[in-house]
Amino acid sequence: MFTFTPTRLVKHWPAIIKMSMDNGKVEEIEISLDLNLLPVDDYMAHLSEGNHRLFNAILAGFDGIAGSDKKPLADTKKNRAALYQHAPFTDALLHAYRAANSGEAARKNS
């Protein structure tokens, strides 16, 4: 039986950051995101308030991201603001959110 819950937290959802490299190559780096899956009206309300508000509403945490010092990046307001300015991260966040919210498999079964 399907159990309806208006908001859900999905932990450790895989996301792929795609980084452009020289000569037209793309490097794919897998990270892990904790996502708040929102009701559509809440999602749209946050979206109308701006990208950063939406990103903060759907992103509950992250793992697998290092800073320039190669140490794990802490989940802070300052670090989130920097990540939100990096298109490969925001693309990965939104793609992962849509996949998780629609029930799309994050990884193919092997």
N, C-alpha and C. Protein backbone atom coordinates (compact mmCIF):
# COMPACT_ATOMS: atom_id res chain seq x y z
N MET A 1 0.84 -1.17 0.00
CA MET A 1 0.00 0.00 0.00
C MET A 1 0.89 1.24 0.00
N PHE A 2 0.54 2.22 -0.79
CA PHE A 2 1.24 3.50 -0.86
C PHE A 2 0.90 4.32 0.37
N THR A 3 1.92 4.83 1.05
CA THR A 3 1.71 5.69 2.21
C THR A 3 2.06 7.12 1.80
N PHE A 4 1.07 7.98 1.82
CA PHE A 4 1.27 9.38 1.42
C PHE A 4 1.91 10.18 2.53
N THR A 5 2.98 10.87 2.21
CA THR A 5 3.60 11.84 3.11
C THR A 5 3.88 13.08 2.28
N PRO A 6 3.42 14.26 2.71
CA PRO A 6 3.56 15.45 1.89
C PRO A 6 5.02 15.89 1.67
N THR A 7 5.87 15.68 2.64
CA THR A 7 7.29 16.03 2.52
C THR A 7 8.12 14.85 2.98
N ARG A 8 9.17 14.54 2.21
CA ARG A 8 10.03 13.43 2.58
C ARG A 8 11.49 13.86 2.50
N LEU A 9 12.31 13.25 3.33
CA LEU A 9 13.76 13.44 3.28
C LEU A 9 14.38 12.18 2.70
N VAL A 10 15.13 12.34 1.61
CA VAL A 10 15.84 11.23 0.98
C VAL A 10 17.32 11.44 1.25
N LYS A 11 17.94 10.48 1.93
CA LYS A 11 19.35 10.60 2.33
C LYS A 11 20.27 9.91 1.31
N HIS A 12 21.42 10.50 1.11
CA HIS A 12 22.50 9.93 0.30
C HIS A 12 22.07 9.62 -1.14
N TRP A 13 21.31 10.53 -1.74
CA TRP A 13 20.91 10.33 -3.14
C TRP A 13 22.11 10.68 -4.02
N PRO A 14 22.50 9.79 -4.93
CA PRO A 14 23.66 10.09 -5.78
C PRO A 14 23.34 11.18 -6.80
N ALA A 15 24.33 12.02 -7.04
CA ALA A 15 24.22 13.07 -8.05
C ALA A 15 25.55 13.12 -8.80
N ILE A 16 25.50 13.52 -10.04
CA ILE A 16 26.69 13.59 -10.88
C ILE A 16 26.98 15.04 -11.24
N ILE A 17 28.18 15.50 -10.86
CA ILE A 17 28.65 16.81 -11.29
C ILE A 17 29.45 16.59 -12.57
N LYS A 18 29.09 17.31 -13.62
CA LYS A 18 29.78 17.19 -14.91
C LYS A 18 30.65 18.43 -15.11
N MET A 19 31.96 18.19 -15.17
CA MET A 19 32.93 19.27 -15.30
C MET A 19 33.52 19.28 -16.71
N SER A 20 33.44 20.42 -17.37
CA SER A 20 34.05 20.57 -18.69
C SER A 20 35.56 20.60 -18.56
N MET A 21 36.22 19.87 -19.44
CA MET A 21 37.67 19.79 -19.44
C MET A 21 38.18 20.24 -20.82
N ASP A 22 39.47 20.28 -20.98
CA ASP A 22 40.06 20.66 -22.27
C ASP A 22 39.67 19.66 -23.36
N ASN A 23 39.72 20.14 -24.58
CA ASN A 23 39.48 19.32 -25.78
C ASN A 23 38.09 18.71 -25.82
N GLY A 24 37.12 19.38 -25.21
CA GLY A 24 35.73 18.93 -25.28
C GLY A 24 35.40 17.74 -24.41
N LYS A 25 36.27 17.40 -23.50
CA LYS A 25 36.01 16.26 -22.62
C LYS A 25 35.22 16.71 -21.40
N VAL A 26 34.50 15.77 -20.82
CA VAL A 26 33.70 16.03 -19.62
C VAL A 26 34.07 15.00 -18.57
N GLU A 27 34.37 15.50 -17.37
CA GLU A 27 34.65 14.61 -16.25
C GLU A 27 33.40 14.53 -15.39
N GLU A 28 32.99 13.33 -15.02
CA GLU A 28 31.82 13.13 -14.18
C GLU A 28 32.26 12.70 -12.79
N ILE A 29 31.81 13.45 -11.79
CA ILE A 29 32.17 13.18 -10.40
C ILE A 29 30.89 12.91 -9.62
N GLU A 30 30.82 11.76 -8.95
CA GLU A 30 29.62 11.44 -8.17
C GLU A 30 29.74 12.01 -6.76
N ILE A 31 28.67 12.68 -6.34
CA ILE A 31 28.56 13.18 -4.97
C ILE A 31 27.28 12.59 -4.38
N SER A 32 27.04 12.88 -3.12
CA SER A 32 25.85 12.38 -2.43
C SER A 32 25.09 13.57 -1.85
N LEU A 33 23.78 13.59 -2.05
CA LEU A 33 22.95 14.68 -1.56
C LEU A 33 21.84 14.15 -0.66
N ASP A 34 21.52 14.90 0.38
CA ASP A 34 20.32 14.66 1.17
C ASP A 34 19.29 15.67 0.68
N LEU A 35 18.13 15.18 0.26
CA LEU A 35 17.14 16.03 -0.41
C LEU A 35 15.80 16.04 0.32
N ASN A 36 15.24 17.23 0.47
CA ASN A 36 13.87 17.40 0.95
C ASN A 36 12.96 17.39 -0.27
N LEU A 37 12.11 16.39 -0.37
CA LEU A 37 11.17 16.31 -1.49
C LEU A 37 9.90 17.05 -1.08
N LEU A 38 9.64 18.16 -1.74
CA LEU A 38 8.58 19.07 -1.34
C LEU A 38 7.31 18.88 -2.14
N PRO A 39 6.16 19.25 -1.58
CA PRO A 39 4.94 19.32 -2.38
C PRO A 39 5.14 20.36 -3.49
N VAL A 40 4.46 20.18 -4.60
CA VAL A 40 4.64 21.06 -5.76
C VAL A 40 4.42 22.52 -5.41
N ASP A 41 3.38 22.84 -4.65
CA ASP A 41 3.11 24.24 -4.30
C ASP A 41 4.26 24.84 -3.50
N ASP A 42 4.84 24.08 -2.58
CA ASP A 42 5.98 24.57 -1.80
C ASP A 42 7.19 24.79 -2.70
N TYR A 43 7.44 23.84 -3.60
CA TYR A 43 8.55 23.97 -4.54
C TYR A 43 8.41 25.24 -5.36
N MET A 44 7.22 25.46 -5.91
CA MET A 44 6.98 26.64 -6.75
C MET A 44 7.09 27.93 -5.94
N ALA A 45 6.64 27.91 -4.69
CA ALA A 45 6.73 29.10 -3.84
C ALA A 45 8.20 29.45 -3.58
N HIS A 46 9.02 28.45 -3.28
CA HIS A 46 10.45 28.71 -3.07
C HIS A 46 11.11 29.17 -4.36
N LEU A 47 10.73 28.58 -5.48
CA LEU A 47 11.29 28.97 -6.77
C LEU A 47 10.99 30.44 -7.07
N SER A 48 9.78 30.88 -6.74
CA SER A 48 9.40 32.27 -7.02
C SER A 48 10.17 33.25 -6.13
N GLU A 49 10.76 32.75 -5.04
CA GLU A 49 11.56 33.59 -4.14
C GLU A 49 13.02 33.66 -4.58
N GLY A 50 13.39 32.90 -5.59
CA GLY A 50 14.76 32.93 -6.11
C GLY A 50 15.45 31.58 -5.97
N ASN A 51 16.47 31.41 -6.80
CA ASN A 51 17.18 30.12 -6.83
C ASN A 51 17.76 29.72 -5.48
N HIS A 52 18.40 30.66 -4.79
CA HIS A 52 19.04 30.30 -3.51
C HIS A 52 18.01 29.82 -2.50
N ARG A 53 16.84 30.43 -2.47
CA ARG A 53 15.79 29.98 -1.54
C ARG A 53 15.34 28.57 -1.89
N LEU A 54 15.18 28.31 -3.18
CA LEU A 54 14.79 26.97 -3.61
C LEU A 54 15.88 25.96 -3.25
N PHE A 55 17.13 26.27 -3.59
CA PHE A 55 18.22 25.34 -3.31
C PHE A 55 18.31 25.03 -1.82
N ASN A 56 18.18 26.05 -0.97
CA ASN A 56 18.22 25.83 0.48
C ASN A 56 17.05 24.98 0.96
N ALA A 57 15.90 25.12 0.31
CA ALA A 57 14.72 24.34 0.71
C ALA A 57 14.87 22.87 0.35
N ILE A 58 15.47 22.57 -0.80
CA ILE A 58 15.54 21.17 -1.24
C ILE A 58 16.81 20.46 -0.78
N LEU A 59 17.89 21.21 -0.52
CA LEU A 59 19.15 20.59 -0.12
C LEU A 59 19.25 20.51 1.40
N ALA A 60 19.25 19.28 1.91
CA ALA A 60 19.36 19.08 3.36
C ALA A 60 20.80 18.79 3.78
N GLY A 61 21.65 18.44 2.83
CA GLY A 61 23.05 18.17 3.14
C GLY A 61 23.75 17.58 1.93
N PHE A 62 25.08 17.49 2.01
CA PHE A 62 25.85 16.93 0.90
C PHE A 62 27.10 16.25 1.43
N ASP A 63 27.66 15.39 0.58
CA ASP A 63 28.89 14.67 0.90
C ASP A 63 29.62 14.40 -0.41
N GLY A 64 30.94 14.31 -0.32
CA GLY A 64 31.72 13.99 -1.52
C GLY A 64 32.26 15.21 -2.23
N ILE A 65 32.22 16.36 -1.58
CA ILE A 65 32.74 17.60 -2.17
C ILE A 65 33.90 18.07 -1.31
N ALA A 66 35.02 18.37 -1.97
CA ALA A 66 36.20 18.87 -1.26
C ALA A 66 36.45 20.32 -1.64
N GLY A 67 37.07 21.04 -0.74
CA GLY A 67 37.48 22.41 -1.01
C GLY A 67 38.82 22.42 -1.74
N SER A 68 39.33 23.61 -2.03
CA SER A 68 40.61 23.72 -2.74
C SER A 68 41.75 23.12 -1.93
N ASP A 69 41.56 22.98 -0.62
CA ASP A 69 42.57 22.36 0.24
C ASP A 69 42.46 20.83 0.26
N LYS A 70 41.55 20.29 -0.55
CA LYS A 70 41.32 18.84 -0.68
C LYS A 70 40.66 18.21 0.55
N LYS A 71 40.22 19.03 1.49
CA LYS A 71 39.52 18.54 2.68
C LYS A 71 38.02 18.60 2.41
N PRO A 72 37.24 17.69 3.04
CA PRO A 72 35.79 17.72 2.83
C PRO A 72 35.21 19.10 3.11
N LEU A 73 34.35 19.55 2.22
CA LEU A 73 33.72 20.86 2.34
C LEU A 73 32.58 20.76 3.36
N ALA A 74 32.63 21.61 4.37
CA ALA A 74 31.59 21.63 5.39
C ALA A 74 30.31 22.24 4.82
N ASP A 75 29.18 21.79 5.31
CA ASP A 75 27.89 22.32 4.88
C ASP A 75 27.60 23.59 5.68
N THR A 76 28.09 24.72 5.18
CA THR A 76 27.88 26.01 5.83
C THR A 76 27.16 26.95 4.87
N LYS A 77 26.62 28.03 5.41
CA LYS A 77 25.93 29.02 4.59
C LYS A 77 26.88 29.59 3.53
N LYS A 78 28.11 29.88 3.93
CA LYS A 78 29.11 30.44 3.01
C LYS A 78 29.45 29.44 1.89
N ASN A 79 29.66 28.18 2.25
CA ASN A 79 29.99 27.17 1.24
C ASN A 79 28.82 26.89 0.32
N ARG A 80 27.61 26.89 0.86
CA ARG A 80 26.44 26.72 0.00
C ARG A 80 26.34 27.87 -1.00
N ALA A 81 26.56 29.10 -0.54
CA ALA A 81 26.49 30.26 -1.44
C ALA A 81 27.50 30.11 -2.57
N ALA A 82 28.70 29.61 -2.26
CA ALA A 82 29.71 29.40 -3.29
C ALA A 82 29.29 28.29 -4.26
N LEU A 83 28.77 27.19 -3.72
CA LEU A 83 28.31 26.09 -4.58
C LEU A 83 27.17 26.53 -5.49
N TYR A 84 26.29 27.38 -4.99
CA TYR A 84 25.14 27.83 -5.77
C TYR A 84 25.56 28.72 -6.94
N GLN A 85 26.79 29.21 -6.93
CA GLN A 85 27.32 30.00 -8.04
C GLN A 85 28.03 29.13 -9.08
N HIS A 86 28.10 27.85 -8.82
CA HIS A 86 28.82 26.90 -9.68
C HIS A 86 27.79 26.08 -10.45
N ALA A 87 27.61 26.40 -11.73
CA ALA A 87 26.56 25.77 -12.54
C ALA A 87 26.61 24.24 -12.52
N PRO A 88 27.78 23.59 -12.59
CA PRO A 88 27.76 22.13 -12.54
C PRO A 88 27.13 21.58 -11.26
N PHE A 89 27.32 22.28 -10.13
CA PHE A 89 26.69 21.82 -8.89
C PHE A 89 25.18 22.02 -8.94
N THR A 90 24.72 23.19 -9.35
CA THR A 90 23.28 23.44 -9.35
C THR A 90 22.57 22.55 -10.37
N ASP A 91 23.22 22.28 -11.49
CA ASP A 91 22.63 21.34 -12.46
C ASP A 91 22.50 19.95 -11.84
N ALA A 92 23.54 19.50 -11.14
CA ALA A 92 23.50 18.18 -10.48
C ALA A 92 22.42 18.14 -9.41
N LEU A 93 22.31 19.22 -8.64
CA LEU A 93 21.30 19.29 -7.58
C LEU A 93 19.89 19.18 -8.16
N LEU A 94 19.60 19.97 -9.18
CA LEU A 94 18.25 19.97 -9.75
C LEU A 94 17.93 18.65 -10.45
N HIS A 95 18.91 18.10 -11.15
CA HIS A 95 18.67 16.81 -11.81
C HIS A 95 18.41 15.72 -10.77
N ALA A 96 19.21 15.70 -9.71
CA ALA A 96 19.03 14.70 -8.65
C ALA A 96 17.68 14.87 -7.98
N TYR A 97 17.29 16.12 -7.72
CA TYR A 97 16.00 16.38 -7.08
C TYR A 97 14.85 15.85 -7.94
N ARG A 98 14.88 16.17 -9.23
CA ARG A 98 13.80 15.72 -10.12
C ARG A 98 13.76 14.19 -10.19
N ALA A 99 14.93 13.56 -10.26
CA ALA A 99 14.98 12.10 -10.32
C ALA A 99 14.44 11.48 -9.03
N ALA A 100 14.85 12.01 -7.89
CA ALA A 100 14.39 11.48 -6.61
C ALA A 100 12.89 11.71 -6.43
N ASN A 101 12.42 12.87 -6.83
CA ASN A 101 11.02 13.22 -6.63
C ASN A 101 10.10 12.41 -7.54
N SER A 102 10.61 11.99 -8.70
CA SER A 102 9.78 11.23 -9.63
C SER A 102 9.97 9.72 -9.47
N GLY A 103 10.89 9.32 -8.59
CA GLY A 103 11.12 7.90 -8.37
C GLY A 103 12.01 7.26 -9.42
N GLU A 104 12.71 8.08 -10.21
CA GLU A 104 13.63 7.56 -11.21
C GLU A 104 14.80 6.89 -10.50
N ALA A 105 15.18 5.73 -10.96
CA ALA A 105 16.30 5.02 -10.32
C ALA A 105 17.58 5.83 -10.45
N ALA A 106 18.29 5.98 -9.34
CA ALA A 106 19.52 6.76 -9.35
C ALA A 106 20.67 5.98 -9.98
N ARG A 107 20.66 4.69 -9.81
CA ARG A 107 21.70 3.83 -10.38
C ARG A 107 21.03 2.66 -11.06
N LYS A 108 21.62 2.22 -12.14
CA LYS A 108 21.09 1.03 -12.79
C LYS A 108 21.46 -0.20 -11.96
N ASN A 109 20.53 -1.13 -11.89
CA ASN A 109 20.80 -2.38 -11.17
C ASN A 109 21.85 -3.16 -11.94
N SER A 110 22.80 -3.73 -11.20
CA SER A 110 23.85 -4.49 -11.89
C SER A 110 23.65 -5.97 -11.72
